[in-house]
Protein backbone atom coordinates (compact mmCIF):
# COMPACT_ATOMS: atom_id res chain seq x y z
CA UNK A 1 12.47 9.48 -14.43
CA UNK A 2 10.41 9.06 -11.05
CA UNK A 3 7.25 9.43 -13.05
CA UNK A 4 8.32 6.43 -15.67
CA UNK A 5 9.15 4.59 -12.70
CA UNK A 6 6.19 4.45 -11.50
CA UNK A 7 4.38 4.44 -14.26
CA UNK A 8 6.38 0.72 -15.22
CA UNK A 9 5.49 -0.20 -11.67
CA UNK A 10 1.81 -0.14 -11.77
CA UNK A 11 1.57 -1.42 -15.25
CA UNK A 12 4.22 -4.06 -14.83
CA UNK A 13 3.46 -7.64 -14.02
CA UNK A 14 3.85 -7.35 -10.36
CA UNK A 15 0.75 -5.73 -10.16
CA UNK A 16 -0.68 -8.46 -12.46
CA UNK A 17 0.29 -10.65 -9.56
CA UNK A 18 -1.37 -9.29 -6.75
CA UNK A 19 -5.05 -10.58 -5.67
CA UNK A 20 -8.27 -8.99 -5.34
CA UNK A 21 -9.70 -8.71 -1.72
CA UNK A 22 -12.21 -6.79 0.71
CA UNK A 23 -11.16 -5.06 3.94
CA UNK A 24 -14.49 -3.66 5.63
CA UNK A 25 -16.90 -2.30 2.68
CA UNK A 26 -13.50 -1.47 0.72
CA UNK A 27 -12.31 -3.70 -2.46
CA UNK A 28 -8.63 -3.40 -3.52
CA UNK A 29 -8.71 -4.40 -7.26
CA UNK A 30 -4.99 -4.76 -9.00
CA UNK A 31 -6.68 -3.92 -12.69
CA UNK A 32 -7.97 -0.58 -11.10
CA UNK A 33 -4.52 -0.18 -9.52
CA UNK A 34 -2.59 -0.88 -12.85
CA UNK A 35 -5.05 1.64 -14.55
CA UNK A 36 -2.95 4.62 -12.45
CA UNK A 37 -0.52 4.49 -15.04
CA UNK A 38 -2.76 5.96 -17.52
CA UNK A 39 -3.80 8.52 -15.07
CA UNK A 40 -0.33 9.40 -14.88
CA UNK A 41 0.14 9.64 -18.54
CA UNK A 42 -2.86 11.66 -18.80
CA UNK A 43 -1.41 14.13 -16.04
CA UNK A 44 -4.21 13.36 -13.78
CA UNK A 45 -2.25 11.71 -11.19
CA UNK A 46 1.17 13.64 -10.59
CA UNK A 47 4.34 11.66 -9.27
CA UNK A 48 7.18 14.12 -7.75
CA UNK A 49 10.62 12.82 -6.24
CA UNK A 50 10.58 14.62 -2.73
CA UNK A 51 14.11 14.80 -1.29
CA UNK A 52 13.06 16.03 1.79
CA UNK A 53 10.94 13.22 2.45
CA UNK A 54 13.37 11.35 4.96
CA UNK A 55 12.76 7.60 4.94
CA UNK A 56 9.08 8.09 3.99
CA UNK A 57 6.67 8.90 0.77
CA UNK A 58 2.95 9.93 1.04
CA UNK A 59 0.11 11.27 -1.07
CA UNK A 60 -1.64 14.26 -1.57
CA UNK A 61 -5.29 14.24 -2.30
CA UNK A 62 -5.68 17.90 -2.78
CA UNK A 63 -3.12 17.85 -5.63
CA UNK A 64 -3.60 14.54 -6.70
CA UNK A 65 0.35 13.74 -6.31
CA UNK A 66 2.15 10.93 -4.87
CA UNK A 67 5.33 12.25 -3.14
CA UNK A 68 8.38 9.31 -3.20
CA UNK A 69 12.06 9.66 -1.33
CA UNK A 70 13.54 7.88 -3.88
CA UNK A 71 13.89 8.99 -7.66
CA UNK A 72 13.99 5.28 -9.19
CA UNK A 73 11.77 2.33 -7.72
CA UNK A 74 14.86 -0.03 -8.12
CA UNK A 75 14.03 -2.29 -5.36
CA UNK A 76 11.22 -4.25 -4.28
CA UNK A 77 10.93 -2.22 -1.36
CA UNK A 78 10.69 0.80 -3.35
CA UNK A 79 8.34 -0.88 -5.67
CA UNK A 80 5.85 -1.76 -2.36
CA UNK A 81 5.79 1.74 -1.78
CA UNK A 82 4.83 2.79 -5.22
CA UNK A 83 1.74 0.39 -4.63
CA UNK A 84 1.03 1.95 -0.71
CA UNK A 85 0.86 5.32 -2.47
CA UNK A 86 -1.01 4.44 -5.42
CA UNK A 87 -3.43 2.67 -3.25
CA UNK A 88 -4.02 5.85 -1.67
CA UNK A 89 -4.42 7.19 -4.67
CA UNK A 90 -6.77 4.58 -6.25
CA UNK A 91 -9.53 5.22 -3.85
CA UNK A 92 -9.07 8.91 -3.83
CA UNK A 93 -10.08 8.60 -7.67
CA UNK A 94 -12.73 6.28 -7.04
CA UNK A 95 -14.32 8.97 -4.41
CA UNK A 96 -14.16 6.33 -1.61
CA UNK A 97 -14.44 8.50 1.51
CA UNK A 98 -13.05 6.33 4.82
CA UNK A 99 -11.01 7.02 7.83
CA UNK A 100 -7.29 7.45 7.85
CA UNK A 101 -6.78 4.16 9.94
CA UNK A 102 -8.70 2.44 7.40
CA UNK A 103 -6.82 4.03 4.24
CA UNK A 104 -3.56 3.03 5.80
CA UNK A 105 -4.51 -0.73 6.65
CA UNK A 106 -5.62 -0.92 2.74
CA UNK A 107 -2.57 0.60 1.62
CA UNK A 108 0.09 -1.23 4.28
CA UNK A 109 -1.53 -4.59 2.74
CA UNK A 110 -1.43 -3.64 -0.89
CA UNK A 111 2.43 -2.69 -0.24
CA UNK A 112 3.06 -6.18 1.86
CA UNK A 113 1.02 -7.97 -1.03
CA UNK A 114 2.84 -6.79 -3.95
CA UNK A 115 6.14 -7.75 -2.11
CA UNK A 116 4.72 -11.20 -0.57
CA UNK A 117 4.05 -11.89 -4.60
CA UNK A 118 6.65 -10.95 -6.32
CA UNK A 119 9.53 -12.41 -4.03
CA UNK A 120 11.12 -15.79 -2.93
CA UNK A 121 10.84 -15.80 1.30
CA UNK A 122 11.27 -18.27 3.72
CA UNK A 123 7.79 -19.11 4.92
CA UNK A 124 9.51 -20.75 8.29
CA UNK A 125 10.94 -17.59 8.93
CA UNK A 126 8.38 -15.26 10.23
CA UNK A 127 10.97 -12.31 9.82
CA UNK A 128 11.58 -12.54 6.50
CA UNK A 129 9.31 -10.10 5.67
CA UNK A 130 9.40 -6.57 5.53
CA UNK A 131 9.46 -4.81 8.48
CA UNK A 132 10.76 -1.77 10.46
CA UNK A 133 13.78 -1.83 12.38
CA UNK A 134 15.91 0.91 13.83
CA UNK A 135 19.79 0.83 13.23
CA UNK A 136 20.68 -1.69 15.54
CA UNK A 137 18.34 -4.12 13.64
CA UNK A 138 15.77 -3.85 16.65
CA UNK A 139 12.20 -4.20 15.43
CA UNK A 140 10.43 -0.52 15.96
CA UNK A 141 6.86 0.20 17.50
CA UNK A 142 6.51 0.94 13.59
CA UNK A 143 6.56 -2.55 12.78
CA UNK A 144 2.89 -3.66 13.50
CA UNK A 145 1.82 -2.65 10.25
CA UNK A 146 4.34 -4.62 8.56
CA UNK A 147 3.88 -7.46 10.68
CA UNK A 148 -0.05 -7.74 10.13
CA UNK A 149 0.03 -6.29 6.51
CA UNK A 150 2.34 -9.54 5.84
CA UNK A 151 -0.09 -11.82 7.60
CA UNK A 152 -3.10 -10.92 5.86
CA UNK A 153 -1.35 -10.64 2.58
CA UNK A 154 -0.44 -14.26 3.03
CA UNK A 155 -3.85 -15.43 3.72
CA UNK A 156 -4.97 -13.24 0.88
CA UNK A 157 -2.68 -14.99 -1.23
CA UNK A 158 -3.37 -18.87 -0.35
CA UNK A 159 -7.41 -17.92 0.03
CA UNK A 160 -7.92 -16.77 -3.70
CA UNK A 161 -8.94 -19.97 -5.68
CA UNK A 162 -8.73 -18.14 -8.80
CA UNK A 163 -7.10 -14.57 -10.26
CA UNK A 164 -10.24 -12.74 -9.93
CA UNK A 165 -11.58 -14.23 -6.66
CA UNK A 166 -11.95 -11.79 -3.57
CA UNK A 167 -10.53 -12.76 -0.53
CA UNK A 168 -12.69 -10.79 2.69
CA UNK A 169 -10.35 -10.01 5.23
CA UNK A 170 -11.74 -11.72 8.56
CA UNK A 171 -13.05 -9.48 11.29
CA UNK A 172 -10.12 -10.24 13.32
CA UNK A 173 -7.76 -9.66 10.91
CA UNK A 174 -9.46 -5.89 10.52
CA UNK A 175 -9.27 -5.36 13.95
CA UNK A 176 -5.55 -6.00 14.43
CA UNK A 177 -4.73 -4.14 11.37
CA UNK A 178 -6.24 -1.27 12.90
CA UNK A 179 -4.75 -1.65 15.60
CA UNK A 180 -0.99 -1.95 14.35
CA UNK A 181 -2.34 1.12 12.88
CA UNK A 182 -3.52 3.01 15.64
CA UNK A 183 -0.44 2.50 17.55
CA UNK A 184 1.77 3.79 14.67
CA UNK A 185 3.18 7.13 15.77
CA UNK A 186 2.91 8.53 12.57
CA UNK A 187 -1.17 7.83 12.71
CA UNK A 188 -1.93 7.67 16.27
CA UNK A 189 -3.62 10.91 16.97
CA UNK A 190 -5.47 11.15 13.67
CA UNK A 191 -6.13 7.65 12.79
CA UNK A 192 -9.93 8.20 12.97
CA UNK A 193 -9.77 11.38 11.28
CA UNK A 194 -11.24 11.42 7.71
CA UNK A 195 -9.43 11.39 4.37
CA UNK A 196 -10.19 14.11 1.97
CA UNK A 197 -10.48 11.81 -1.21
CA UNK A 198 -13.25 13.44 -3.08
CA UNK A 199 -13.32 11.40 -6.29
CA UNK A 200 -11.95 14.67 -8.41
CA UNK A 201 -9.22 14.74 -11.10
């Protein structure tokens, strides 16, 4: 059930609506991302519903497994999470070694790009976006990755003149996005550790 749901997200029209972008020396390709649906079908990429994931999901490059904290990606936010974790898998399968701050930057931008490309939102309301809130509706310290990711996603959409154009994220935006990851409590102590992306399937 969870595997089929992930395949549907990756092979669906939502991913096809996404644009190419380049962050540092790494290029995000929606076509390659969509191809991961086949990797799941061939049992190279594994999808598991992990009920222990309280509010988060994850990707394990050693086992090529995406762990989702929901059984079905029924909402646009859950679909965006599939895209986030699949972005890690995409670069792992390509053997693109990078540090965690770069990997998470790419994944949060891709997550926001997917949601922003497939939803109606108020462009005049800066809070009408993906965000991290506490139970009282206040923004948390983790919100920076969504704020920056959403902002950069908007520039990618506006800056790509064709479906195959590649938007290069500016140096200032790269700096801002990485700073948001660095200050996120999940990554602050490991931001410049290397990922274990090795290209093995």
